[in-house]
Amino acid sequence: MKKAELIDEIAKVLKTKKEAKAAVESMLDNISKALKKKEDVTLTGFGTFKAVKRKARKGRNPYTGEPIKIKASTRVQFVPGKALKDAIE
């Protein structure tokens, strides 16, 4: 399901597609802002989004085989909730 399809599904519950788009955009923006502040976002029954730091590490260039340094970074981790796990089984 793409973002536009999600908006269409939410528009069936709300009055207009414009309201649905605003709701989806607001939710995604707020999740992004919280993760940027390194806060966890827990949607009970659905899952938890976490910002996780990755340490700097050594890697290898797959073309030349020479060692390279990979910088430390932050990635998003999603841990599904029990209700979501049960729903997809």
N, C-alpha and C. Protein backbone atom coordinates (compact mmCIF):
# COMPACT_ATOMS: atom_id res chain seq x y z
N MET A 1 0.85 -1.17 0.00
CA MET A 1 0.00 0.00 0.00
C MET A 1 0.89 1.23 0.00
N LYS A 2 0.58 2.12 -0.87
CA LYS A 2 1.33 3.38 -0.97
C LYS A 2 0.63 4.46 -0.16
N LYS A 3 1.31 5.57 0.03
CA LYS A 3 0.78 6.68 0.82
C LYS A 3 -0.56 7.16 0.27
N ALA A 4 -0.66 7.31 -1.03
CA ALA A 4 -1.91 7.78 -1.65
C ALA A 4 -3.06 6.80 -1.41
N GLU A 5 -2.75 5.51 -1.43
CA GLU A 5 -3.78 4.50 -1.17
C GLU A 5 -4.22 4.54 0.29
N LEU A 6 -3.28 4.79 1.20
CA LEU A 6 -3.60 4.93 2.61
C LEU A 6 -4.52 6.13 2.82
N ILE A 7 -4.21 7.23 2.17
CA ILE A 7 -5.04 8.43 2.27
C ILE A 7 -6.45 8.13 1.76
N ASP A 8 -6.56 7.41 0.66
CA ASP A 8 -7.88 7.06 0.13
C ASP A 8 -8.68 6.22 1.13
N GLU A 9 -8.02 5.28 1.80
CA GLU A 9 -8.71 4.43 2.78
C GLU A 9 -9.16 5.25 3.99
N ILE A 10 -8.34 6.16 4.44
CA ILE A 10 -8.70 7.00 5.58
C ILE A 10 -9.81 7.97 5.20
N ALA A 11 -9.83 8.42 3.95
CA ALA A 11 -10.87 9.33 3.47
C ALA A 11 -12.24 8.68 3.52
N LYS A 12 -12.30 7.36 3.46
CA LYS A 12 -13.58 6.67 3.57
C LYS A 12 -14.20 6.83 4.96
N VAL A 13 -13.34 7.00 5.97
CA VAL A 13 -13.81 7.18 7.34
C VAL A 13 -14.05 8.66 7.65
N LEU A 14 -13.16 9.50 7.17
CA LEU A 14 -13.31 10.95 7.38
C LEU A 14 -14.22 11.52 6.31
N LYS A 15 -14.49 12.81 6.39
CA LYS A 15 -15.42 13.42 5.44
C LYS A 15 -14.81 13.69 4.08
N THR A 16 -13.54 14.08 4.05
CA THR A 16 -12.93 14.44 2.77
C THR A 16 -11.53 13.85 2.64
N LYS A 17 -11.08 13.80 1.41
CA LYS A 17 -9.72 13.34 1.12
C LYS A 17 -8.70 14.35 1.66
N LYS A 18 -9.08 15.63 1.65
CA LYS A 18 -8.20 16.68 2.15
C LYS A 18 -7.92 16.48 3.64
N GLU A 19 -8.95 16.14 4.41
CA GLU A 19 -8.77 15.88 5.84
C GLU A 19 -7.91 14.64 6.06
N ALA A 20 -8.14 13.62 5.24
CA ALA A 20 -7.36 12.39 5.37
C ALA A 20 -5.89 12.65 5.08
N LYS A 21 -5.62 13.43 4.03
CA LYS A 21 -4.22 13.75 3.69
C LYS A 21 -3.56 14.52 4.82
N ALA A 22 -4.29 15.49 5.40
CA ALA A 22 -3.75 16.28 6.50
C ALA A 22 -3.45 15.39 7.71
N ALA A 23 -4.32 14.41 7.98
CA ALA A 23 -4.13 13.51 9.11
C ALA A 23 -2.89 12.64 8.91
N VAL A 24 -2.74 12.08 7.73
CA VAL A 24 -1.59 11.22 7.44
C VAL A 24 -0.30 12.03 7.49
N GLU A 25 -0.29 13.19 6.86
CA GLU A 25 0.90 14.05 6.85
C GLU A 25 1.29 14.44 8.28
N SER A 26 0.30 14.80 9.09
CA SER A 26 0.57 15.21 10.46
C SER A 26 1.17 14.05 11.26
N MET A 27 0.61 12.87 11.10
CA MET A 27 1.11 11.70 11.82
C MET A 27 2.57 11.41 11.43
N LEU A 28 2.85 11.40 10.14
CA LEU A 28 4.21 11.11 9.68
C LEU A 28 5.20 12.18 10.12
N ASP A 29 4.78 13.44 10.07
CA ASP A 29 5.65 14.53 10.51
C ASP A 29 5.98 14.41 12.00
N ASN A 30 4.97 14.09 12.80
CA ASN A 30 5.19 13.98 14.24
C ASN A 30 6.05 12.78 14.59
N ILE A 31 5.90 11.68 13.89
CA ILE A 31 6.77 10.53 14.11
C ILE A 31 8.21 10.89 13.76
N SER A 32 8.40 11.57 12.63
CA SER A 32 9.74 11.98 12.21
C SER A 32 10.39 12.92 13.22
N LYS A 33 9.63 13.89 13.72
CA LYS A 33 10.16 14.85 14.69
C LYS A 33 10.58 14.15 15.98
N ALA A 34 9.75 13.22 16.45
CA ALA A 34 10.07 12.51 17.68
C ALA A 34 11.33 11.67 17.50
N LEU A 35 11.45 10.97 16.37
CA LEU A 35 12.64 10.16 16.11
C LEU A 35 13.89 11.03 15.99
N LYS A 36 13.74 12.21 15.42
CA LYS A 36 14.87 13.12 15.30
C LYS A 36 15.38 13.54 16.67
N LYS A 37 14.45 13.63 17.65
CA LYS A 37 14.82 13.97 19.03
C LYS A 37 15.24 12.74 19.83
N LYS A 38 15.38 11.59 19.13
CA LYS A 38 15.78 10.32 19.73
C LYS A 38 14.72 9.78 20.71
N GLU A 39 13.45 10.13 20.49
CA GLU A 39 12.36 9.62 21.31
C GLU A 39 11.74 8.41 20.63
N ASP A 40 11.31 7.43 21.41
CA ASP A 40 10.59 6.29 20.86
C ASP A 40 9.15 6.70 20.57
N VAL A 41 8.57 6.12 19.54
CA VAL A 41 7.17 6.35 19.20
C VAL A 41 6.46 5.01 19.31
N THR A 42 5.56 4.89 20.29
CA THR A 42 4.85 3.63 20.53
C THR A 42 3.39 3.80 20.14
N LEU A 43 2.95 2.99 19.21
CA LEU A 43 1.54 2.94 18.81
C LEU A 43 1.01 1.61 19.36
N THR A 44 0.33 1.68 20.47
CA THR A 44 -0.11 0.48 21.19
C THR A 44 -0.88 -0.45 20.25
N GLY A 45 -0.46 -1.70 20.25
CA GLY A 45 -1.09 -2.70 19.40
C GLY A 45 -0.48 -2.77 18.01
N PHE A 46 0.18 -1.71 17.57
CA PHE A 46 0.79 -1.69 16.24
C PHE A 46 2.28 -1.95 16.32
N GLY A 47 2.99 -1.13 17.11
CA GLY A 47 4.42 -1.32 17.23
C GLY A 47 5.13 -0.08 17.74
N THR A 48 6.45 -0.17 17.77
CA THR A 48 7.28 0.92 18.28
C THR A 48 8.37 1.26 17.27
N PHE A 49 8.52 2.56 17.01
CA PHE A 49 9.60 3.08 16.19
C PHE A 49 10.67 3.59 17.13
N LYS A 50 11.94 3.23 16.89
CA LYS A 50 13.04 3.67 17.73
C LYS A 50 14.17 4.21 16.85
N ALA A 51 14.83 5.26 17.32
CA ALA A 51 16.04 5.76 16.67
C ALA A 51 17.22 5.08 17.35
N VAL A 52 17.99 4.30 16.58
CA VAL A 52 19.08 3.51 17.13
C VAL A 52 20.40 3.97 16.52
N LYS A 53 21.38 4.22 17.38
CA LYS A 53 22.70 4.64 16.89
C LYS A 53 23.50 3.43 16.46
N ARG A 54 24.18 3.56 15.34
CA ARG A 54 25.12 2.53 14.88
C ARG A 54 26.52 3.08 15.05
N LYS A 55 27.41 2.29 15.59
CA LYS A 55 28.80 2.71 15.80
C LYS A 55 29.54 2.77 14.46
N ALA A 56 30.60 3.56 14.46
CA ALA A 56 31.49 3.57 13.30
C ALA A 56 32.14 2.19 13.21
N ARG A 57 32.38 1.74 12.00
CA ARG A 57 32.96 0.41 11.83
C ARG A 57 33.81 0.35 10.57
N LYS A 58 34.52 -0.73 10.44
CA LYS A 58 35.33 -0.94 9.25
C LYS A 58 34.53 -1.79 8.27
N GLY A 59 34.68 -1.49 7.00
CA GLY A 59 34.02 -2.27 5.96
C GLY A 59 35.01 -2.56 4.85
N ARG A 60 34.49 -3.08 3.76
CA ARG A 60 35.35 -3.42 2.64
C ARG A 60 34.64 -3.00 1.37
N ASN A 61 35.36 -2.30 0.49
CA ASN A 61 34.82 -1.91 -0.80
C ASN A 61 34.61 -3.18 -1.63
N PRO A 62 33.36 -3.46 -2.06
CA PRO A 62 33.12 -4.71 -2.77
C PRO A 62 33.78 -4.78 -4.15
N TYR A 63 34.10 -3.64 -4.75
CA TYR A 63 34.72 -3.64 -6.07
C TYR A 63 36.22 -3.84 -6.02
N THR A 64 36.87 -3.12 -5.08
CA THR A 64 38.33 -3.18 -5.02
C THR A 64 38.85 -4.08 -3.90
N GLY A 65 38.01 -4.35 -2.90
CA GLY A 65 38.43 -5.17 -1.78
C GLY A 65 39.21 -4.41 -0.73
N GLU A 66 39.45 -3.11 -0.94
CA GLU A 66 40.23 -2.36 0.03
C GLU A 66 39.36 -1.99 1.23
N PRO A 67 39.95 -1.91 2.43
CA PRO A 67 39.19 -1.56 3.63
C PRO A 67 38.77 -0.09 3.60
N ILE A 68 37.58 0.17 4.14
CA ILE A 68 37.07 1.55 4.24
C ILE A 68 36.49 1.75 5.64
N LYS A 69 36.38 3.01 6.04
CA LYS A 69 35.76 3.36 7.31
C LYS A 69 34.31 3.76 7.05
N ILE A 70 33.40 3.18 7.81
CA ILE A 70 31.99 3.53 7.70
C ILE A 70 31.65 4.39 8.91
N LYS A 71 31.11 5.58 8.67
CA LYS A 71 30.81 6.53 9.73
C LYS A 71 29.68 6.03 10.63
N ALA A 72 29.67 6.53 11.85
CA ALA A 72 28.56 6.25 12.76
C ALA A 72 27.29 6.89 12.19
N SER A 73 26.16 6.27 12.42
CA SER A 73 24.91 6.80 11.89
C SER A 73 23.75 6.42 12.80
N THR A 74 22.61 7.00 12.53
CA THR A 74 21.39 6.68 13.26
C THR A 74 20.42 6.07 12.27
N ARG A 75 19.78 4.96 12.67
CA ARG A 75 18.80 4.32 11.80
C ARG A 75 17.50 4.15 12.58
N VAL A 76 16.43 3.90 11.86
CA VAL A 76 15.13 3.69 12.48
C VAL A 76 14.88 2.19 12.57
N GLN A 77 14.48 1.77 13.74
CA GLN A 77 14.14 0.36 13.97
C GLN A 77 12.65 0.30 14.30
N PHE A 78 11.95 -0.67 13.73
CA PHE A 78 10.53 -0.88 14.02
C PHE A 78 10.37 -2.24 14.68
N VAL A 79 9.71 -2.24 15.83
CA VAL A 79 9.43 -3.48 16.54
C VAL A 79 7.91 -3.65 16.53
N PRO A 80 7.40 -4.65 15.82
CA PRO A 80 5.94 -4.81 15.74
C PRO A 80 5.34 -5.23 17.09
N GLY A 81 4.11 -4.74 17.33
CA GLY A 81 3.40 -5.10 18.54
C GLY A 81 2.72 -6.45 18.40
N LYS A 82 2.23 -6.97 19.52
CA LYS A 82 1.61 -8.29 19.52
C LYS A 82 0.38 -8.34 18.62
N ALA A 83 -0.45 -7.30 18.67
CA ALA A 83 -1.67 -7.29 17.85
C ALA A 83 -1.34 -7.33 16.36
N LEU A 84 -0.30 -6.62 15.95
CA LEU A 84 0.11 -6.64 14.54
C LEU A 84 0.66 -8.01 14.15
N LYS A 85 1.47 -8.59 15.02
CA LYS A 85 2.01 -9.93 14.75
C LYS A 85 0.88 -10.94 14.59
N ASP A 86 -0.10 -10.86 15.49
CA ASP A 86 -1.23 -11.79 15.43
C ASP A 86 -2.08 -11.57 14.18
N ALA A 87 -2.22 -10.31 13.76
CA ALA A 87 -3.05 -9.99 12.60
C ALA A 87 -2.48 -10.52 11.29
N ILE A 88 -1.15 -10.61 11.19
CA ILE A 88 -0.56 -11.05 9.92
C ILE A 88 -0.26 -12.53 9.88
N GLU A 89 -0.49 -13.23 10.97
CA GLU A 89 -0.26 -14.68 10.97
C GLU A 89 -1.42 -15.41 10.35
